[in-house]
Amino acid sequence: MRTILIDPEAQTVEELDFKGDYKKIQETIGCSCFTTVNIGGVTNDALFVDDEGLLNPSGFVFQFYGAKLVGKGLIMGCDDEGESARAGIDISEVRNNTQWLGEFNFNA
């Protein structure tokens, strides 16, 4: 299924053909525990991010969420039964609404 990976370290947004379960999400975004955030808009998409992301020095702001997120993010859709589905948001919309934060220190 079509997903979108946001990688703040490489500063890239790319489509992925995702085939897998939650363990594959962990592998894809490089974490052991993830959380989801609602990105709003007209789609039923969610953004999966590292739940322990503050340990990662690079991040981004996705305008539809409006707060700093750290580590990689994976956008995936959700169907009416709550199961994972193809991302509905257009990749150009993701690119146009992602701001890179680079490396930062939350303790500063």
C-alpha atoms as a PDB file:
ATOM      1  CA  MET A   1       0.000   0.000   0.000  1.00  0.00           C
ATOM      2  CA  ARG A   2       1.122   3.558  -0.668  1.00  0.00           C
ATOM      3  CA  THR A   3       2.612   5.370   2.330  1.00  0.00           C
ATOM      4  CA  ILE A   4       4.721   8.515   2.645  1.00  0.00           C
ATOM      5  CA  LEU A   5       7.983   8.641   4.605  1.00  0.00           C
ATOM      6  CA  ILE A   6       9.236  11.943   6.032  1.00  0.00           C
ATOM      7  CA  ASP A   7      12.964  11.768   6.848  1.00  0.00           C
ATOM      8  CA  PRO A   8      14.244  14.925   8.580  1.00  0.00           C
ATOM      9  CA  GLU A   9      17.857  13.774   8.660  1.00  0.00           C
ATOM     10  CA  ALA A  10      17.977  13.336   4.863  1.00  0.00           C
ATOM     11  CA  GLN A  11      15.343  16.108   4.443  1.00  0.00           C
ATOM     12  CA  THR A  12      13.332  13.970   2.045  1.00  0.00           C
ATOM     13  CA  VAL A  13       9.676  13.095   1.533  1.00  0.00           C
ATOM     14  CA  GLU A  14       9.125   9.951  -0.507  1.00  0.00           C
ATOM     15  CA  GLU A  15       6.426   7.427  -1.308  1.00  0.00           C
ATOM     16  CA  LEU A  16       6.919   3.862  -0.096  1.00  0.00           C
ATOM     17  CA  ASP A  17       5.088   0.694  -1.018  1.00  0.00           C
ATOM     18  CA  PHE A  18       4.483  -0.526   2.537  1.00  0.00           C
ATOM     19  CA  LYS A  19       3.867  -4.199   3.136  1.00  0.00           C
ATOM     20  CA  GLY A  20       3.887  -5.230   6.732  1.00  0.00           C
ATOM     21  CA  ASP A  21       2.566  -4.976  10.250  1.00  0.00           C
ATOM     22  CA  TYR A  22       3.421  -2.730  13.189  1.00  0.00           C
ATOM     23  CA  LYS A  23       6.926  -4.201  13.415  1.00  0.00           C
ATOM     24  CA  LYS A  24       7.570  -2.985   9.888  1.00  0.00           C
ATOM     25  CA  ILE A  25       6.447   0.522  10.949  1.00  0.00           C
ATOM     26  CA  GLN A  26       8.999   0.389  13.769  1.00  0.00           C
ATOM     27  CA  GLU A  27      11.702  -0.719  11.341  1.00  0.00           C
ATOM     28  CA  THR A  28      10.759   1.914   8.753  1.00  0.00           C
ATOM     29  CA  ILE A  29      10.897   4.875  11.134  1.00  0.00           C
ATOM     30  CA  GLY A  30      13.711   3.435  13.263  1.00  0.00           C
ATOM     31  CA  CYS A  31      12.071   3.086  16.659  1.00  0.00           C
ATOM     32  CA  SER A  32      10.991   0.521  19.210  1.00  0.00           C
ATOM     33  CA  CYS A  33       7.763   2.310  20.205  1.00  0.00           C
ATOM     34  CA  PHE A  34       5.622   4.580  18.030  1.00  0.00           C
ATOM     35  CA  THR A  35       2.634   6.830  18.440  1.00  0.00           C
ATOM     36  CA  THR A  36       0.253   8.330  15.908  1.00  0.00           C
ATOM     37  CA  VAL A  37      -0.869  11.897  15.423  1.00  0.00           C
ATOM     38  CA  ASN A  38      -3.894  13.088  13.500  1.00  0.00           C
ATOM     39  CA  ILE A  39      -2.777  15.274  10.614  1.00  0.00           C
ATOM     40  CA  GLY A  40      -6.235  16.623   9.847  1.00  0.00           C
ATOM     41  CA  GLY A  41      -7.300  17.526   6.359  1.00  0.00           C
ATOM     42  CA  VAL A  42      -9.859  15.699   4.256  1.00  0.00           C
ATOM     43  CA  THR A  43      -8.195  12.282   4.381  1.00  0.00           C
ATOM     44  CA  ASN A  44      -8.245   9.612   7.076  1.00  0.00           C
ATOM     45  CA  ASP A  45      -4.458   9.654   7.285  1.00  0.00           C
ATOM     46  CA  ALA A  46      -2.343   9.385  10.401  1.00  0.00           C
ATOM     47  CA  LEU A  47       1.308  10.182  10.951  1.00  0.00           C
ATOM     48  CA  PHE A  48       3.316   7.512  12.792  1.00  0.00           C
ATOM     49  CA  VAL A  49       6.290   8.899  14.748  1.00  0.00           C
ATOM     50  CA  ASP A  50       8.813   7.651  17.300  1.00  0.00           C
ATOM     51  CA  ASP A  51       7.223   7.790  20.767  1.00  0.00           C
ATOM     52  CA  GLU A  52      10.697   8.302  22.222  1.00  0.00           C
ATOM     53  CA  GLY A  53      11.524  10.885  19.567  1.00  0.00           C
ATOM     54  CA  LEU A  54      13.064  13.404  21.916  1.00  0.00           C
ATOM     55  CA  LEU A  55      16.157  11.190  21.839  1.00  0.00           C
ATOM     56  CA  ASN A  56      16.548  12.052  18.145  1.00  0.00           C
ATOM     57  CA  PRO A  57      18.287  15.355  17.280  1.00  0.00           C
ATOM     58  CA  SER A  58      16.527  16.052  13.958  1.00  0.00           C
ATOM     59  CA  GLY A  59      12.921  16.862  13.328  1.00  0.00           C
ATOM     60  CA  PHE A  60      10.224  18.605  11.352  1.00  0.00           C
ATOM     61  CA  VAL A  61       6.987  20.504  11.646  1.00  0.00           C
ATOM     62  CA  PHE A  62       4.086  19.237   9.570  1.00  0.00           C
ATOM     63  CA  GLN A  63       1.735  22.189   9.130  1.00  0.00           C
ATOM     64  CA  PHE A  64      -1.453  20.126   9.491  1.00  0.00           C
ATOM     65  CA  TYR A  65      -0.298  18.957  12.933  1.00  0.00           C
ATOM     66  CA  GLY A  66       1.398  22.214  13.921  1.00  0.00           C
ATOM     67  CA  ALA A  67       3.930  21.024  16.500  1.00  0.00           C
ATOM     68  CA  LYS A  68       7.540  19.846  16.430  1.00  0.00           C
ATOM     69  CA  LEU A  69       7.997  16.170  15.633  1.00  0.00           C
ATOM     70  CA  VAL A  70      11.316  14.401  15.832  1.00  0.00           C
ATOM     71  CA  GLY A  71      12.707  11.416  14.009  1.00  0.00           C
ATOM     72  CA  LYS A  72      11.175   9.957  10.868  1.00  0.00           C
ATOM     73  CA  GLY A  73       7.432  10.032  10.208  1.00  0.00           C
ATOM     74  CA  LEU A  74       5.302   7.622   8.195  1.00  0.00           C
ATOM     75  CA  ILE A  75       1.933   8.711   6.805  1.00  0.00           C
ATOM     76  CA  MET A  76      -0.577   5.920   6.336  1.00  0.00           C
ATOM     77  CA  GLY A  77      -4.321   5.883   5.719  1.00  0.00           C
ATOM     78  CA  CYS A  78      -7.009   4.243   7.807  1.00  0.00           C
ATOM     79  CA  ASP A  79     -10.184   2.585   6.540  1.00  0.00           C
ATOM     80  CA  ASP A  80     -13.658   2.658   8.115  1.00  0.00           C
ATOM     81  CA  GLU A  81     -12.840  -0.415  10.228  1.00  0.00           C
ATOM     82  CA  GLY A  82      -9.648   1.107  11.660  1.00  0.00           C
ATOM     83  CA  GLU A  83      -7.306  -0.973   9.505  1.00  0.00           C
ATOM     84  CA  SER A  84      -4.271   0.449   7.733  1.00  0.00           C
ATOM     85  CA  ALA A  85      -4.933   1.690   4.224  1.00  0.00           C
ATOM     86  CA  ARG A  86      -3.313   3.588   1.392  1.00  0.00           C
ATOM     87  CA  ALA A  87      -2.335   7.178   2.285  1.00  0.00           C
ATOM     88  CA  GLY A  88      -4.822   9.575   0.770  1.00  0.00           C
ATOM     89  CA  ILE A  89      -2.808  12.800   0.980  1.00  0.00           C
ATOM     90  CA  ASP A  90      -0.893  13.888  -2.113  1.00  0.00           C
ATOM     91  CA  ILE A  91       2.893  13.761  -1.746  1.00  0.00           C
ATOM     92  CA  SER A  92       3.264  17.325  -3.050  1.00  0.00           C
ATOM     93  CA  GLU A  93       0.971  18.503  -0.246  1.00  0.00           C
ATOM     94  CA  VAL A  94       3.224  16.754   2.283  1.00  0.00           C
ATOM     95  CA  ARG A  95       6.349  18.319   0.758  1.00  0.00           C
ATOM     96  CA  ASN A  96       4.777  21.789   0.715  1.00  0.00           C
ATOM     97  CA  ASN A  97       3.692  21.535   4.365  1.00  0.00           C
ATOM     98  CA  THR A  98       6.859  20.078   5.908  1.00  0.00           C
ATOM     99  CA  GLN A  99       9.406  22.387   7.519  1.00  0.00           C
ATOM    100  CA  TRP A 100      12.784  20.931   8.454  1.00  0.00           C
ATOM    101  CA  LEU A 101      14.136  21.818  11.871  1.00  0.00           C
ATOM    102  CA  GLY A 102      17.607  20.318  11.500  1.00  0.00           C
ATOM    103  CA  GLU A 103      19.471  19.410  14.644  1.00  0.00           C
ATOM    104  CA  PHE A 104      18.330  20.986  17.856  1.00  0.00           C
ATOM    105  CA  ASN A 105      18.676  20.512  21.567  1.00  0.00           C
ATOM    106  CA  PHE A 106      15.518  20.355  23.680  1.00  0.00           C
ATOM    107  CA  ASN A 107      17.564  21.022  26.829  1.00  0.00           C
ATOM    108  CA  ALA A 108      18.957  24.346  25.566  1.00  0.00           C
END
